[in-house]
N, C-alpha and C. Protein backbone atom coordinates (compact mmCIF):
# COMPACT_ATOMS: atom_id res chain seq x y z
N MET A 1 -15.99 -2.88 -22.26
CA MET A 1 -15.80 -1.78 -21.31
C MET A 1 -15.36 -0.54 -22.10
N ASN A 2 -15.85 0.57 -21.69
CA ASN A 2 -15.52 1.86 -22.29
C ASN A 2 -14.00 2.10 -22.18
N PRO A 3 -13.34 2.53 -23.27
CA PRO A 3 -11.88 2.74 -23.20
C PRO A 3 -11.47 3.78 -22.15
N PHE A 4 -12.30 4.81 -21.97
CA PHE A 4 -11.98 5.83 -20.96
C PHE A 4 -12.11 5.26 -19.55
N ALA A 5 -13.13 4.46 -19.34
CA ALA A 5 -13.31 3.83 -18.03
C ALA A 5 -12.16 2.88 -17.74
N ARG A 6 -11.74 2.14 -18.75
CA ARG A 6 -10.62 1.22 -18.56
C ARG A 6 -9.34 1.97 -18.24
N MET A 7 -9.08 3.07 -18.93
CA MET A 7 -7.89 3.87 -18.68
C MET A 7 -7.94 4.48 -17.27
N PHE A 8 -9.12 4.97 -16.89
CA PHE A 8 -9.28 5.54 -15.56
C PHE A 8 -9.00 4.49 -14.48
N ARG A 9 -9.56 3.29 -14.69
CA ARG A 9 -9.38 2.23 -13.71
C ARG A 9 -7.91 1.81 -13.60
N LEU A 10 -7.25 1.69 -14.73
CA LEU A 10 -5.83 1.34 -14.74
C LEU A 10 -4.99 2.40 -14.04
N THR A 11 -5.27 3.67 -14.33
CA THR A 11 -4.54 4.77 -13.70
C THR A 11 -4.78 4.78 -12.20
N ARG A 12 -6.04 4.60 -11.79
CA ARG A 12 -6.37 4.58 -10.36
C ARG A 12 -5.66 3.44 -9.65
N ASP A 13 -5.67 2.25 -10.25
CA ASP A 13 -5.00 1.10 -9.64
C ASP A 13 -3.49 1.33 -9.53
N LEU A 14 -2.90 1.92 -10.54
CA LEU A 14 -1.47 2.22 -10.52
C LEU A 14 -1.14 3.21 -9.40
N LEU A 15 -1.94 4.26 -9.29
CA LEU A 15 -1.69 5.26 -8.24
C LEU A 15 -1.87 4.66 -6.85
N GLN A 16 -2.82 3.76 -6.69
CA GLN A 16 -3.00 3.12 -5.39
C GLN A 16 -1.81 2.23 -5.04
N GLU A 17 -1.25 1.57 -6.01
CA GLU A 17 -0.05 0.76 -5.76
C GLU A 17 1.13 1.65 -5.38
N LEU A 18 1.29 2.75 -6.09
CA LEU A 18 2.41 3.65 -5.82
C LEU A 18 2.28 4.35 -4.47
N SER A 19 1.07 4.58 -4.02
CA SER A 19 0.86 5.29 -2.76
C SER A 19 0.68 4.36 -1.57
N ASP A 20 0.88 3.07 -1.75
CA ASP A 20 0.77 2.05 -0.69
C ASP A 20 -0.66 1.75 -0.26
N GLU A 21 -1.67 2.33 -0.89
CA GLU A 21 -3.06 2.04 -0.50
C GLU A 21 -3.41 0.58 -0.76
N ALA A 22 -3.02 0.07 -1.91
CA ALA A 22 -3.34 -1.31 -2.25
C ALA A 22 -2.58 -2.27 -1.33
N VAL A 23 -1.35 -1.95 -1.05
CA VAL A 23 -0.54 -2.79 -0.15
C VAL A 23 -1.16 -2.80 1.24
N TYR A 24 -1.62 -1.65 1.69
CA TYR A 24 -2.25 -1.54 3.01
C TYR A 24 -3.54 -2.38 3.06
N ARG A 25 -4.34 -2.33 2.00
CA ARG A 25 -5.56 -3.15 1.96
C ARG A 25 -5.23 -4.63 2.03
N ARG A 26 -4.20 -5.05 1.31
CA ARG A 26 -3.79 -6.47 1.37
C ARG A 26 -3.29 -6.82 2.77
N TYR A 27 -2.58 -5.91 3.40
CA TYR A 27 -2.09 -6.11 4.77
C TYR A 27 -3.27 -6.30 5.73
N LEU A 28 -4.29 -5.43 5.62
CA LEU A 28 -5.45 -5.55 6.50
C LEU A 28 -6.15 -6.89 6.32
N ARG A 29 -6.28 -7.33 5.07
CA ARG A 29 -6.90 -8.64 4.82
C ARG A 29 -6.05 -9.76 5.44
N ALA A 30 -4.74 -9.67 5.33
CA ALA A 30 -3.86 -10.72 5.83
C ALA A 30 -3.90 -10.83 7.35
N VAL A 31 -3.94 -9.68 8.03
CA VAL A 31 -3.95 -9.71 9.50
C VAL A 31 -5.35 -9.76 10.07
N GLY A 32 -6.37 -9.54 9.22
CA GLY A 32 -7.76 -9.64 9.68
C GLY A 32 -8.19 -8.51 10.59
N ARG A 33 -7.69 -7.31 10.34
CA ARG A 33 -8.06 -6.16 11.17
C ARG A 33 -8.73 -5.09 10.34
N PRO A 34 -9.58 -4.27 10.95
CA PRO A 34 -10.21 -3.17 10.22
C PRO A 34 -9.26 -1.97 10.14
N HIS A 35 -9.54 -1.08 9.21
CA HIS A 35 -8.75 0.14 9.08
C HIS A 35 -8.91 1.02 10.30
N SER A 36 -7.81 1.59 10.77
CA SER A 36 -7.83 2.56 11.86
C SER A 36 -6.54 3.35 11.79
N PRO A 37 -6.51 4.53 12.40
CA PRO A 37 -5.25 5.29 12.42
C PRO A 37 -4.11 4.52 13.08
N GLN A 38 -4.41 3.78 14.13
CA GLN A 38 -3.38 3.00 14.81
C GLN A 38 -2.85 1.89 13.91
N GLU A 39 -3.74 1.27 13.14
CA GLU A 39 -3.33 0.19 12.24
C GLU A 39 -2.48 0.73 11.09
N TRP A 40 -2.84 1.92 10.58
CA TRP A 40 -2.04 2.55 9.53
C TRP A 40 -0.64 2.85 10.05
N ARG A 41 -0.57 3.34 11.28
CA ARG A 41 0.72 3.66 11.90
C ARG A 41 1.56 2.40 12.07
N ARG A 42 0.94 1.31 12.52
CA ARG A 42 1.64 0.05 12.69
C ARG A 42 2.16 -0.45 11.34
N PHE A 43 1.33 -0.34 10.32
CA PHE A 43 1.71 -0.76 8.97
C PHE A 43 2.89 0.05 8.44
N THR A 44 2.82 1.38 8.53
CA THR A 44 3.89 2.21 7.99
C THR A 44 5.17 2.07 8.80
N ASP A 45 5.08 1.98 10.12
CA ASP A 45 6.28 1.78 10.94
C ASP A 45 6.99 0.49 10.55
N ARG A 46 6.22 -0.57 10.41
CA ARG A 46 6.81 -1.86 10.05
C ARG A 46 7.44 -1.81 8.67
N ARG A 47 6.74 -1.19 7.74
CA ARG A 47 7.22 -1.11 6.36
C ARG A 47 8.51 -0.29 6.26
N TYR A 48 8.54 0.88 6.90
CA TYR A 48 9.73 1.73 6.83
C TYR A 48 10.89 1.15 7.62
N ARG A 49 10.60 0.50 8.73
CA ARG A 49 11.66 -0.13 9.51
C ARG A 49 12.35 -1.20 8.66
N ARG A 50 11.54 -2.01 7.99
CA ARG A 50 12.10 -3.06 7.15
C ARG A 50 12.88 -2.47 5.97
N LYS A 51 12.39 -1.36 5.43
CA LYS A 51 13.02 -0.76 4.26
C LYS A 51 14.36 -0.10 4.60
N TYR A 52 14.41 0.61 5.73
CA TYR A 52 15.60 1.41 6.05
C TYR A 52 16.52 0.75 7.09
N GLN A 53 16.15 -0.36 7.63
CA GLN A 53 16.97 -1.00 8.66
C GLN A 53 18.24 -1.62 8.07
N SER A 54 18.10 -2.22 6.92
CA SER A 54 19.27 -2.87 6.33
C SER A 54 20.23 -1.83 5.77
N ALA A 55 21.49 -2.04 6.05
CA ALA A 55 22.51 -1.09 5.60
C ALA A 55 22.67 -1.14 4.09
N LYS A 56 22.92 0.00 3.50
CA LYS A 56 23.12 0.06 2.07
C LYS A 56 24.62 0.17 1.79
N CYS A 57 25.01 -0.52 0.81
CA CYS A 57 26.41 -0.51 0.45
C CYS A 57 26.66 0.43 -0.73
N CYS A 58 27.73 1.12 -0.66
CA CYS A 58 28.25 1.96 -1.75
C CYS A 58 27.28 3.01 -2.14
């Protein structure tokens, strides 16, 4: 594989992980639903609720 193509692919995959795109794709596969604005909203609501619901100490 071309070194530039490999670097591009690695960078793209990293950015997708950081931006939740890859996580969202895995979520869609797990629940068996197609992409839609409503599904994205359900995904982000659930994710943020889980992230910020637990109290942080100190």
